[in-house]
């Protein structure tokens, strides 16, 4: 994901936070929702960045946030 954001889409690498997969999620909770991704949501509300995203460990759930909207969706559940 980091390669796509930085190399393909031109995002500044310093803005790619927590992009290295870790077995314990770096001590963070694996679910990207308003409770566990609150740091991302707060950062996005500042209006400095256009869009932010958080993914769970298997890519089923994603949280998308901007300065004006935040939503999460389980995109692969049946």
C-alpha atoms as a PDB file:
ATOM      1  CA  UNK A   1       0.000   0.000   0.000  1.00  0.00           C
ATOM      2  CA  UNK A   2       2.784   2.437   0.886  1.00  0.00           C
ATOM      3  CA  UNK A   3       4.457   1.893  -2.482  1.00  0.00           C
ATOM      4  CA  UNK A   4       1.232   2.715  -4.308  1.00  0.00           C
ATOM      5  CA  UNK A   5       0.572   5.829  -2.240  1.00  0.00           C
ATOM      6  CA  UNK A   6       4.114   7.196  -2.419  1.00  0.00           C
ATOM      7  CA  UNK A   7       5.469   6.032  -5.785  1.00  0.00           C
ATOM      8  CA  UNK A   8       2.302   5.849  -7.878  1.00  0.00           C
ATOM      9  CA  UNK A   9       0.166   8.618  -6.378  1.00  0.00           C
ATOM     10  CA  UNK A  10       2.927  10.971  -5.221  1.00  0.00           C
ATOM     11  CA  UNK A  11       2.096  11.140  -1.526  1.00  0.00           C
ATOM     12  CA  UNK A  12       4.876  12.476   0.701  1.00  0.00           C
ATOM     13  CA  UNK A  13       6.482   9.475   2.422  1.00  0.00           C
ATOM     14  CA  UNK A  14       6.411  11.203   5.821  1.00  0.00           C
ATOM     15  CA  UNK A  15       2.611  10.993   5.692  1.00  0.00           C
ATOM     16  CA  UNK A  16       2.628   7.198   5.332  1.00  0.00           C
ATOM     17  CA  UNK A  17       2.070   6.188   8.960  1.00  0.00           C
ATOM     18  CA  UNK A  18       1.935   2.579  10.219  1.00  0.00           C
ATOM     19  CA  UNK A  19       2.422   1.113   6.736  1.00  0.00           C
ATOM     20  CA  UNK A  20       4.655  -1.800   7.721  1.00  0.00           C
ATOM     21  CA  UNK A  21       2.580  -4.908   8.537  1.00  0.00           C
ATOM     22  CA  UNK A  22       3.391  -6.226  12.012  1.00  0.00           C
ATOM     23  CA  UNK A  23       2.134  -9.477  13.579  1.00  0.00           C
ATOM     24  CA  UNK A  24       0.866  -7.615  16.656  1.00  0.00           C
ATOM     25  CA  UNK A  25      -0.328  -4.540  14.697  1.00  0.00           C
ATOM     26  CA  UNK A  26       2.334  -2.473  16.464  1.00  0.00           C
ATOM     27  CA  UNK A  27       0.390  -2.733  19.709  1.00  0.00           C
ATOM     28  CA  UNK A  28      -2.652  -1.116  18.073  1.00  0.00           C
ATOM     29  CA  UNK A  29      -6.108  -2.655  17.724  1.00  0.00           C
ATOM     30  CA  UNK A  30      -6.586  -4.304  14.302  1.00  0.00           C
ATOM     31  CA  UNK A  31     -10.072  -2.890  13.627  1.00  0.00           C
ATOM     32  CA  UNK A  32     -10.133   0.466  11.806  1.00  0.00           C
ATOM     33  CA  UNK A  33     -13.198   2.093  13.319  1.00  0.00           C
ATOM     34  CA  UNK A  34     -13.969   5.383  15.048  1.00  0.00           C
ATOM     35  CA  UNK A  35     -12.874   3.995  18.409  1.00  0.00           C
ATOM     36  CA  UNK A  36      -9.559   2.445  17.412  1.00  0.00           C
ATOM     37  CA  UNK A  37      -8.567   4.801  14.577  1.00  0.00           C
ATOM     38  CA  UNK A  38      -9.338   7.965  16.521  1.00  0.00           C
ATOM     39  CA  UNK A  39      -5.844   9.391  15.953  1.00  0.00           C
ATOM     40  CA  UNK A  40      -6.365   9.198  12.186  1.00  0.00           C
ATOM     41  CA  UNK A  41      -9.795  10.812  12.419  1.00  0.00           C
ATOM     42  CA  UNK A  42      -8.473  13.651  14.610  1.00  0.00           C
ATOM     43  CA  UNK A  43      -5.572  14.261  12.213  1.00  0.00           C
ATOM     44  CA  UNK A  44      -7.904  14.352   9.219  1.00  0.00           C
ATOM     45  CA  UNK A  45     -10.248  16.859  10.878  1.00  0.00           C
ATOM     46  CA  UNK A  46      -7.370  19.358  10.968  1.00  0.00           C
ATOM     47  CA  UNK A  47      -7.815  19.756   7.201  1.00  0.00           C
ATOM     48  CA  UNK A  48      -4.098  19.410   6.362  1.00  0.00           C
ATOM     49  CA  UNK A  49      -4.487  16.193   4.337  1.00  0.00           C
ATOM     50  CA  UNK A  50      -6.966  15.392   1.574  1.00  0.00           C
ATOM     51  CA  UNK A  51      -7.771  11.826   2.623  1.00  0.00           C
ATOM     52  CA  UNK A  52      -6.704   9.196   5.125  1.00  0.00           C
ATOM     53  CA  UNK A  53      -7.307   5.452   5.214  1.00  0.00           C
ATOM     54  CA  UNK A  54      -6.905   2.606   7.672  1.00  0.00           C
ATOM     55  CA  UNK A  55      -7.190  -1.105   6.864  1.00  0.00           C
ATOM     56  CA  UNK A  56      -7.610  -4.140   9.080  1.00  0.00           C
ATOM     57  CA  UNK A  57      -5.165  -7.024   8.970  1.00  0.00           C
ATOM     58  CA  UNK A  58      -6.807  -8.951   6.151  1.00  0.00           C
ATOM     59  CA  UNK A  59      -8.102  -6.015   4.106  1.00  0.00           C
ATOM     60  CA  UNK A  60     -11.786  -6.746   4.760  1.00  0.00           C
ATOM     61  CA  UNK A  61     -12.520  -3.555   6.672  1.00  0.00           C
ATOM     62  CA  UNK A  62     -11.439  -0.060   5.680  1.00  0.00           C
ATOM     63  CA  UNK A  63     -11.909   3.331   7.290  1.00  0.00           C
ATOM     64  CA  UNK A  64     -11.743   6.388   5.022  1.00  0.00           C
ATOM     65  CA  UNK A  65     -11.500   9.843   6.534  1.00  0.00           C
ATOM     66  CA  UNK A  66     -11.212  13.427   5.323  1.00  0.00           C
ATOM     67  CA  UNK A  67     -11.727  16.808   6.950  1.00  0.00           C
ATOM     68  CA  UNK A  68     -15.488  16.598   6.358  1.00  0.00           C
ATOM     69  CA  UNK A  69     -16.504  12.898   6.416  1.00  0.00           C
ATOM     70  CA  UNK A  70     -15.423   9.610   7.963  1.00  0.00           C
ATOM     71  CA  UNK A  71     -16.875   6.216   7.187  1.00  0.00           C
ATOM     72  CA  UNK A  72     -16.006   2.576   7.628  1.00  0.00           C
ATOM     73  CA  UNK A  73     -17.280  -0.417   5.758  1.00  0.00           C
ATOM     74  CA  UNK A  74     -16.696  -4.146   5.881  1.00  0.00           C
ATOM     75  CA  UNK A  75     -16.166  -4.569   2.144  1.00  0.00           C
ATOM     76  CA  UNK A  76     -15.619  -8.318   1.900  1.00  0.00           C
ATOM     77  CA  UNK A  77     -17.994  -9.868   4.427  1.00  0.00           C
ATOM     78  CA  UNK A  78     -20.665 -12.303   3.321  1.00  0.00           C
END
